[in-house]
Amino acid sequence: MNTDIVPGIVPGITHTLSLHVNDRLLVTAFTPDFPGFGDLPPVFGTAFMVGFMEWACIESLRPYLEDGWKTVGTHVYLSHVSPTPAGMKVTATVELMEVKGRTLRFRVDCYDECGLIGSGFHERTVIDPRRFMAKVRKKTEQAALIAA
């Protein structure tokens, strides 16, 4: 990797992001595509919490990435320890803990208005979108050949 891509990305970068949980962020929002979620309690979905924490990590890196470069999530190790109903505010706090080449490891925590709801670690990898999308196109072509 060209080290000019991420010269300022060093451990210690932090970011905080907040949002209000609405009906589209509840476990039951998965029901149209995943019917097994239909009878679960209407609380902030774990998958949405994971996505929210990823978003906070993405935003923490935005000022440091060269134009056009992106990061993709590669590993998630999280606990979801407390339910959050619709209408509550949730806040994600992230801190970059380790940089190994293009791999970035974050400590992530998520809180609602009553306390901690989730925590753990998330890894992202710096990518060149052009090279990444070339791999995606190749895989799409391979899948089309397999299906034919």
N, C-alpha and C. Protein backbone atom coordinates (compact mmCIF):
# COMPACT_ATOMS: atom_id res chain seq x y z
N MET A 1 0.85 -1.19 0.00
CA MET A 1 0.00 0.00 0.00
C MET A 1 0.88 1.24 0.00
N ASN A 2 0.48 2.21 -0.73
CA ASN A 2 1.17 3.50 -0.76
C ASN A 2 0.89 4.20 0.57
N THR A 3 1.93 4.47 1.34
CA THR A 3 1.72 5.08 2.66
C THR A 3 1.21 6.51 2.56
N ASP A 4 1.27 7.12 1.36
CA ASP A 4 0.72 8.47 1.20
C ASP A 4 -0.80 8.48 1.33
N ILE A 5 -1.43 7.32 1.22
CA ILE A 5 -2.89 7.23 1.27
C ILE A 5 -3.40 7.58 2.66
N VAL A 6 -2.70 7.13 3.68
CA VAL A 6 -3.19 7.29 5.05
C VAL A 6 -2.12 7.87 5.98
N PRO A 7 -1.46 8.94 5.58
CA PRO A 7 -0.36 9.42 6.43
C PRO A 7 -0.80 9.87 7.82
N GLY A 8 -2.02 10.36 7.98
CA GLY A 8 -2.47 10.86 9.28
C GLY A 8 -3.28 9.87 10.08
N ILE A 9 -3.48 8.67 9.55
CA ILE A 9 -4.29 7.69 10.27
C ILE A 9 -3.39 6.98 11.29
N VAL A 10 -3.58 7.37 12.54
CA VAL A 10 -2.79 6.83 13.64
C VAL A 10 -3.72 6.50 14.80
N PRO A 11 -3.33 5.57 15.65
CA PRO A 11 -4.16 5.27 16.83
C PRO A 11 -4.46 6.55 17.62
N GLY A 12 -5.67 6.56 18.17
CA GLY A 12 -6.09 7.71 18.96
C GLY A 12 -7.17 8.54 18.31
N ILE A 13 -7.39 8.34 17.00
CA ILE A 13 -8.47 9.07 16.32
C ILE A 13 -9.80 8.63 16.94
N THR A 14 -10.65 9.59 17.27
CA THR A 14 -11.95 9.29 17.87
C THR A 14 -13.06 9.99 17.09
N HIS A 15 -14.26 9.49 17.28
CA HIS A 15 -15.43 10.12 16.67
C HIS A 15 -16.66 9.71 17.47
N THR A 16 -17.64 10.59 17.50
CA THR A 16 -18.91 10.33 18.15
C THR A 16 -20.03 10.68 17.18
N LEU A 17 -21.04 9.84 17.14
CA LEU A 17 -22.17 10.03 16.22
C LEU A 17 -23.44 9.66 16.97
N SER A 18 -24.51 10.42 16.74
CA SER A 18 -25.79 10.14 17.41
C SER A 18 -26.92 10.11 16.41
N LEU A 19 -27.97 9.37 16.76
CA LEU A 19 -29.21 9.35 15.97
C LEU A 19 -30.35 8.92 16.86
N HIS A 20 -31.57 9.17 16.40
CA HIS A 20 -32.76 8.74 17.12
C HIS A 20 -33.28 7.46 16.47
N VAL A 21 -33.60 6.49 17.28
CA VAL A 21 -34.12 5.21 16.79
C VAL A 21 -35.55 5.42 16.33
N ASN A 22 -35.80 5.08 15.06
CA ASN A 22 -37.15 5.16 14.51
C ASN A 22 -37.60 3.76 14.11
N ASP A 23 -38.81 3.64 13.58
CA ASP A 23 -39.38 2.33 13.23
C ASP A 23 -38.54 1.58 12.19
N ARG A 24 -37.83 2.30 11.33
CA ARG A 24 -37.01 1.65 10.29
C ARG A 24 -35.75 1.01 10.86
N LEU A 25 -35.43 1.30 12.14
CA LEU A 25 -34.23 0.77 12.78
C LEU A 25 -34.55 -0.32 13.81
N LEU A 26 -35.78 -0.76 13.85
CA LEU A 26 -36.18 -1.80 14.80
C LEU A 26 -35.97 -3.18 14.19
N VAL A 27 -35.81 -4.17 15.04
CA VAL A 27 -35.64 -5.55 14.59
C VAL A 27 -36.76 -5.93 13.61
N THR A 28 -37.96 -5.50 13.90
CA THR A 28 -39.12 -5.86 13.07
C THR A 28 -39.05 -5.27 11.67
N ALA A 29 -38.18 -4.30 11.42
CA ALA A 29 -38.03 -3.73 10.08
C ALA A 29 -37.47 -4.76 9.09
N PHE A 30 -36.86 -5.83 9.59
CA PHE A 30 -36.33 -6.88 8.73
C PHE A 30 -37.40 -7.82 8.21
N THR A 31 -38.60 -7.78 8.79
CA THR A 31 -39.64 -8.75 8.51
C THR A 31 -39.95 -8.94 7.02
N PRO A 32 -40.02 -7.91 6.18
CA PRO A 32 -40.35 -8.16 4.78
C PRO A 32 -39.37 -9.13 4.08
N ASP A 33 -38.10 -9.08 4.45
CA ASP A 33 -37.12 -9.95 3.82
C ASP A 33 -36.73 -11.14 4.68
N PHE A 34 -36.92 -11.02 5.97
CA PHE A 34 -36.57 -12.08 6.92
C PHE A 34 -37.76 -12.31 7.85
N PRO A 35 -38.74 -13.10 7.44
CA PRO A 35 -39.97 -13.26 8.21
C PRO A 35 -39.77 -13.72 9.64
N GLY A 36 -38.69 -14.39 9.94
CA GLY A 36 -38.44 -14.87 11.30
C GLY A 36 -38.29 -13.77 12.31
N PHE A 37 -38.08 -12.53 11.86
CA PHE A 37 -37.95 -11.41 12.78
C PHE A 37 -39.31 -10.82 13.18
N GLY A 38 -40.37 -11.25 12.54
CA GLY A 38 -41.68 -10.64 12.72
C GLY A 38 -42.24 -10.70 14.12
N ASP A 39 -41.91 -11.73 14.87
CA ASP A 39 -42.48 -11.85 16.22
C ASP A 39 -41.49 -11.46 17.32
N LEU A 40 -40.41 -10.78 16.96
CA LEU A 40 -39.44 -10.32 17.95
C LEU A 40 -39.84 -8.96 18.52
N PRO A 41 -39.31 -8.61 19.68
CA PRO A 41 -39.66 -7.32 20.28
C PRO A 41 -39.24 -6.14 19.38
N PRO A 42 -40.02 -5.07 19.36
CA PRO A 42 -39.71 -3.91 18.52
C PRO A 42 -38.67 -3.00 19.18
N VAL A 43 -37.40 -3.42 19.08
CA VAL A 43 -36.28 -2.66 19.66
C VAL A 43 -35.22 -2.45 18.58
N PHE A 44 -34.28 -1.54 18.86
CA PHE A 44 -33.16 -1.24 17.97
C PHE A 44 -32.48 -2.55 17.58
N GLY A 45 -32.42 -2.83 16.28
CA GLY A 45 -31.87 -4.08 15.80
C GLY A 45 -30.35 -4.14 15.92
N THR A 46 -29.85 -5.31 16.27
CA THR A 46 -28.40 -5.51 16.38
C THR A 46 -27.72 -5.17 15.06
N ALA A 47 -28.28 -5.61 13.95
CA ALA A 47 -27.66 -5.31 12.65
C ALA A 47 -27.59 -3.80 12.40
N PHE A 48 -28.62 -3.08 12.83
CA PHE A 48 -28.59 -1.62 12.68
C PHE A 48 -27.56 -0.99 13.61
N MET A 49 -27.41 -1.55 14.82
CA MET A 49 -26.39 -1.05 15.73
C MET A 49 -25.00 -1.25 15.13
N VAL A 50 -24.77 -2.43 14.55
CA VAL A 50 -23.48 -2.70 13.90
C VAL A 50 -23.24 -1.69 12.78
N GLY A 51 -24.24 -1.49 11.94
CA GLY A 51 -24.10 -0.52 10.85
C GLY A 51 -23.85 0.89 11.35
N PHE A 52 -24.52 1.25 12.43
CA PHE A 52 -24.34 2.57 13.03
C PHE A 52 -22.91 2.75 13.53
N MET A 53 -22.38 1.72 14.20
CA MET A 53 -21.00 1.78 14.67
C MET A 53 -20.01 1.85 13.50
N GLU A 54 -20.29 1.09 12.44
CA GLU A 54 -19.44 1.17 11.24
C GLU A 54 -19.45 2.58 10.67
N TRP A 55 -20.63 3.18 10.62
CA TRP A 55 -20.77 4.54 10.09
C TRP A 55 -19.91 5.51 10.90
N ALA A 56 -19.92 5.36 12.23
CA ALA A 56 -19.09 6.23 13.07
C ALA A 56 -17.60 6.05 12.74
N CYS A 57 -17.18 4.81 12.50
CA CYS A 57 -15.78 4.56 12.11
C CYS A 57 -15.47 5.20 10.77
N ILE A 58 -16.38 5.05 9.81
CA ILE A 58 -16.20 5.66 8.48
C ILE A 58 -16.02 7.17 8.62
N GLU A 59 -16.88 7.78 9.42
CA GLU A 59 -16.81 9.24 9.59
C GLU A 59 -15.52 9.66 10.29
N SER A 60 -15.02 8.83 11.21
CA SER A 60 -13.77 9.18 11.90
C SER A 60 -12.60 9.25 10.94
N LEU A 61 -12.65 8.47 9.87
CA LEU A 61 -11.54 8.38 8.92
C LEU A 61 -11.65 9.37 7.77
N ARG A 62 -12.84 9.88 7.53
CA ARG A 62 -13.08 10.74 6.36
C ARG A 62 -12.05 11.87 6.20
N PRO A 63 -11.66 12.57 7.25
CA PRO A 63 -10.70 13.67 7.09
C PRO A 63 -9.29 13.21 6.70
N TYR A 64 -9.00 11.93 6.86
CA TYR A 64 -7.63 11.44 6.67
C TYR A 64 -7.40 10.69 5.36
N LEU A 65 -8.46 10.27 4.70
CA LEU A 65 -8.31 9.50 3.47
C LEU A 65 -8.11 10.40 2.27
N GLU A 66 -7.19 10.03 1.42
CA GLU A 66 -6.98 10.74 0.17
C GLU A 66 -8.27 10.66 -0.65
N ASP A 67 -8.55 11.68 -1.45
CA ASP A 67 -9.77 11.70 -2.26
C ASP A 67 -9.93 10.40 -3.03
N GLY A 68 -11.12 9.85 -2.96
CA GLY A 68 -11.43 8.64 -3.70
C GLY A 68 -11.19 7.35 -2.93
N TRP A 69 -10.32 7.36 -1.93
CA TRP A 69 -10.04 6.15 -1.17
C TRP A 69 -11.16 5.93 -0.16
N LYS A 70 -11.43 4.69 0.14
CA LYS A 70 -12.51 4.31 1.05
C LYS A 70 -12.02 3.24 2.01
N THR A 71 -12.88 2.87 2.96
CA THR A 71 -12.61 1.72 3.82
C THR A 71 -13.81 0.79 3.73
N VAL A 72 -13.55 -0.49 3.93
CA VAL A 72 -14.63 -1.48 3.98
C VAL A 72 -14.49 -2.25 5.29
N GLY A 73 -15.64 -2.64 5.83
CA GLY A 73 -15.64 -3.42 7.06
C GLY A 73 -15.19 -4.84 6.76
N THR A 74 -14.33 -5.38 7.63
CA THR A 74 -13.81 -6.72 7.42
C THR A 74 -13.99 -7.64 8.64
N HIS A 75 -14.25 -7.06 9.80
CA HIS A 75 -14.41 -7.89 10.99
C HIS A 75 -15.25 -7.11 12.01
N VAL A 76 -16.18 -7.83 12.65
CA VAL A 76 -17.01 -7.25 13.70
C VAL A 76 -17.03 -8.21 14.88
N TYR A 77 -16.70 -7.71 16.06
CA TYR A 77 -16.78 -8.49 17.28
C TYR A 77 -17.46 -7.60 18.31
N LEU A 78 -18.80 -7.79 18.45
CA LEU A 78 -19.60 -6.89 19.28
C LEU A 78 -20.55 -7.66 20.18
N SER A 79 -20.88 -7.02 21.29
CA SER A 79 -21.95 -7.50 22.16
C SER A 79 -23.08 -6.47 22.11
N HIS A 80 -24.31 -6.96 22.07
CA HIS A 80 -25.49 -6.09 22.16
C HIS A 80 -26.14 -6.47 23.48
N VAL A 81 -25.99 -5.61 24.50
CA VAL A 81 -26.29 -6.02 25.88
C VAL A 81 -27.57 -5.43 26.48
N SER A 82 -28.22 -4.50 25.76
CA SER A 82 -29.39 -3.87 26.35
C SER A 82 -30.32 -3.38 25.24
N PRO A 83 -31.64 -3.56 25.39
CA PRO A 83 -32.58 -3.12 24.35
C PRO A 83 -32.80 -1.61 24.36
N THR A 84 -33.09 -1.08 23.18
CA THR A 84 -33.42 0.34 23.03
C THR A 84 -34.71 0.47 22.25
N PRO A 85 -35.74 1.09 22.83
CA PRO A 85 -37.02 1.25 22.11
C PRO A 85 -36.96 2.41 21.12
N ALA A 86 -37.92 2.43 20.22
CA ALA A 86 -38.05 3.55 19.28
C ALA A 86 -38.20 4.84 20.05
N GLY A 87 -37.65 5.90 19.50
CA GLY A 87 -37.76 7.23 20.10
C GLY A 87 -36.55 7.63 20.93
N MET A 88 -35.74 6.67 21.34
CA MET A 88 -34.56 7.01 22.14
C MET A 88 -33.40 7.41 21.24
N LYS A 89 -32.53 8.22 21.78
CA LYS A 89 -31.30 8.62 21.08
C LYS A 89 -30.22 7.60 21.40
N VAL A 90 -29.46 7.20 20.37
CA VAL A 90 -28.30 6.34 20.58
C VAL A 90 -27.06 7.10 20.11
N THR A 91 -25.95 6.84 20.78
CA THR A 91 -24.69 7.50 20.48
C THR A 91 -23.59 6.45 20.37
N ALA A 92 -22.87 6.49 19.27
CA ALA A 92 -21.72 5.60 19.08
C ALA A 92 -20.44 6.41 19.30
N THR A 93 -19.53 5.83 20.06
CA THR A 93 -18.21 6.43 20.23
C THR A 93 -17.19 5.40 19.75
N VAL A 94 -16.26 5.86 18.92
CA VAL A 94 -15.27 4.95 18.35
C VAL A 94 -13.88 5.54 18.55
N GLU A 95 -12.91 4.64 18.71
CA GLU A 95 -11.52 5.06 18.82
C GLU A 95 -10.65 4.09 18.04
N LEU A 96 -9.83 4.63 17.17
CA LEU A 96 -8.89 3.81 16.42
C LEU A 96 -7.81 3.35 17.39
N MET A 97 -7.69 2.03 17.55
CA MET A 97 -6.76 1.47 18.52
C MET A 97 -5.46 0.98 17.89
N GLU A 98 -5.54 0.53 16.61
CA GLU A 98 -4.37 -0.11 16.00
C GLU A 98 -4.41 0.06 14.49
N VAL A 99 -3.24 0.29 13.91
CA VAL A 99 -3.09 0.38 12.46
C VAL A 99 -2.02 -0.63 12.06
N LYS A 100 -2.42 -1.60 11.23
CA LYS A 100 -1.47 -2.59 10.71
C LYS A 100 -1.60 -2.58 9.19
N GLY A 101 -0.68 -1.89 8.52
CA GLY A 101 -0.78 -1.76 7.07
C GLY A 101 -2.07 -1.04 6.73
N ARG A 102 -2.92 -1.70 5.94
CA ARG A 102 -4.20 -1.11 5.55
C ARG A 102 -5.33 -1.46 6.51
N THR A 103 -5.05 -2.28 7.53
CA THR A 103 -6.08 -2.73 8.47
C THR A 103 -6.14 -1.80 9.68
N LEU A 104 -7.35 -1.36 9.99
CA LEU A 104 -7.60 -0.40 11.07
C LEU A 104 -8.53 -1.04 12.09
N ARG A 105 -8.10 -1.13 13.34
CA ARG A 105 -8.91 -1.77 14.40
C ARG A 105 -9.43 -0.70 15.36
N PHE A 106 -10.75 -0.70 15.53
CA PHE A 106 -11.43 0.28 16.37
C PHE A 106 -12.03 -0.37 17.61
N ARG A 107 -12.03 0.36 18.70
CA ARG A 107 -12.86 0.06 19.87
C ARG A 107 -14.16 0.81 19.62
N VAL A 108 -15.30 0.13 19.77
CA VAL A 108 -16.59 0.77 19.51
C VAL A 108 -17.52 0.55 20.70
N ASP A 109 -18.23 1.60 21.06
CA ASP A 109 -19.22 1.53 22.13
C ASP A 109 -20.47 2.27 21.69
N CYS A 110 -21.62 1.78 22.12
CA CYS A 110 -22.88 2.41 21.77
C CYS A 110 -23.73 2.55 23.04
N TYR A 111 -24.30 3.72 23.20
CA TYR A 111 -25.10 4.04 24.39
C TYR A 111 -26.47 4.55 23.96
N ASP A 112 -27.48 4.27 24.79
CA ASP A 112 -28.74 4.99 24.64
C ASP A 112 -28.84 5.95 25.83
N GLU A 113 -29.98 6.54 26.01
CA GLU A 113 -30.13 7.54 27.06
C GLU A 113 -30.03 6.94 28.47
N CYS A 114 -30.08 5.61 28.58
CA CYS A 114 -30.02 4.96 29.89
C CYS A 114 -28.68 4.28 30.16
N GLY A 115 -27.80 4.19 29.16
CA GLY A 115 -26.51 3.56 29.41
C GLY A 115 -26.01 2.75 28.23
N LEU A 116 -25.01 1.92 28.49
CA LEU A 116 -24.36 1.11 27.46
C LEU A 116 -25.32 0.10 26.86
N ILE A 117 -25.36 0.03 25.53
CA ILE A 117 -26.18 -1.00 24.86
C ILE A 117 -25.34 -1.96 24.04
N GLY A 118 -24.12 -1.57 23.68
CA GLY A 118 -23.28 -2.47 22.90
C GLY A 118 -21.84 -2.01 22.90
N SER A 119 -20.92 -2.98 22.75
CA SER A 119 -19.51 -2.63 22.70
C SER A 119 -18.71 -3.75 22.05
N GLY A 120 -17.50 -3.42 21.64
CA GLY A 120 -16.63 -4.42 21.06
C GLY A 120 -15.57 -3.80 20.17
N PHE A 121 -15.24 -4.54 19.11
CA PHE A 121 -14.20 -4.11 18.18
C PHE A 121 -14.68 -4.25 16.75
N HIS A 122 -14.17 -3.38 15.89
CA HIS A 122 -14.51 -3.41 14.47
C HIS A 122 -13.24 -3.14 13.67
N GLU A 123 -13.03 -3.91 12.61
CA GLU A 123 -11.88 -3.68 11.74
C GLU A 123 -12.35 -3.25 10.37
N ARG A 124 -11.60 -2.32 9.80
CA ARG A 124 -11.85 -1.83 8.45
C ARG A 124 -10.53 -1.89 7.69
N THR A 125 -10.63 -2.00 6.38
CA THR A 125 -9.44 -2.03 5.53
C THR A 125 -9.53 -0.91 4.52
N VAL A 126 -8.44 -0.18 4.34
CA VAL A 126 -8.37 0.89 3.34
C VAL A 126 -8.31 0.24 1.96
N ILE A 127 -9.15 0.73 1.05
CA ILE A 127 -9.18 0.18 -0.31
C ILE A 127 -9.06 1.28 -1.35
N ASP A 128 -8.57 0.88 -2.52
CA ASP A 128 -8.64 1.69 -3.73
C ASP A 128 -9.93 1.25 -4.42
N PRO A 129 -10.96 2.08 -4.47
CA PRO A 129 -12.24 1.66 -5.01
C PRO A 129 -12.16 1.11 -6.44
N ARG A 130 -11.27 1.63 -7.25
CA ARG A 130 -11.15 1.12 -8.63
C ARG A 130 -10.71 -0.33 -8.63
N ARG A 131 -9.70 -0.66 -7.85
CA ARG A 131 -9.24 -2.05 -7.78
C ARG A 131 -10.30 -2.94 -7.14
N PHE A 132 -10.94 -2.44 -6.12
CA PHE A 132 -11.98 -3.19 -5.42
C PHE A 132 -13.13 -3.52 -6.37
N MET A 133 -13.58 -2.52 -7.11
CA MET A 133 -14.70 -2.74 -8.03
C MET A 133 -14.31 -3.64 -9.20
N ALA A 134 -13.04 -3.64 -9.58
CA ALA A 134 -12.58 -4.58 -10.61
C ALA A 134 -12.75 -6.02 -10.10
N LYS A 135 -12.46 -6.26 -8.83
CA LYS A 135 -12.66 -7.58 -8.23
C LYS A 135 -14.15 -7.94 -8.20
N VAL A 136 -14.99 -6.96 -7.89
CA VAL A 136 -16.43 -7.19 -7.86
C VAL A 136 -16.93 -7.56 -9.26
N ARG A 137 -16.48 -6.82 -10.27
CA ARG A 137 -16.91 -7.13 -11.65
C ARG A 137 -16.46 -8.52 -12.06
N LYS A 138 -15.24 -8.90 -11.70
CA LYS A 138 -14.72 -10.23 -12.04
C LYS A 138 -15.58 -11.31 -11.38
N LYS A 139 -15.95 -11.10 -10.14
CA LYS A 139 -16.78 -12.07 -9.43
C LYS A 139 -18.16 -12.16 -10.06
N THR A 140 -18.72 -11.03 -10.45
CA THR A 140 -20.02 -11.01 -11.13
C THR A 140 -19.96 -11.81 -12.43
N GLU A 141 -18.89 -11.63 -13.17
CA GLU A 141 -18.69 -12.37 -14.43
C GLU A 141 -18.56 -13.87 -14.15
N GLN A 142 -17.83 -14.24 -13.12
CA GLN A 142 -17.67 -15.64 -12.75
C GLN A 142 -19.02 -16.25 -12.36
N ALA A 143 -19.81 -15.51 -11.61
CA ALA A 143 -21.12 -16.01 -11.20
C ALA A 143 -22.03 -16.22 -12.40
N ALA A 144 -21.94 -15.31 -13.38
CA ALA A 144 -22.76 -15.45 -14.59
C ALA A 144 -22.35 -16.70 -15.37
N LEU A 145 -21.07 -17.00 -15.41
CA LEU A 145 -20.60 -18.21 -16.11
C LEU A 145 -21.07 -19.46 -15.38
N ILE A 146 -21.04 -19.43 -14.06
CA ILE A 146 -21.48 -20.59 -13.28
C ILE A 146 -22.97 -20.82 -13.49
N ALA A 147 -23.74 -19.74 -13.54
CA ALA A 147 -25.19 -19.84 -13.68
C ALA A 147 -25.61 -20.28 -15.08
N ALA A 148 -24.74 -20.04 -16.06
CA ALA A 148 -25.09 -20.35 -17.47
C ALA A 148 -25.11 -21.83 -17.75
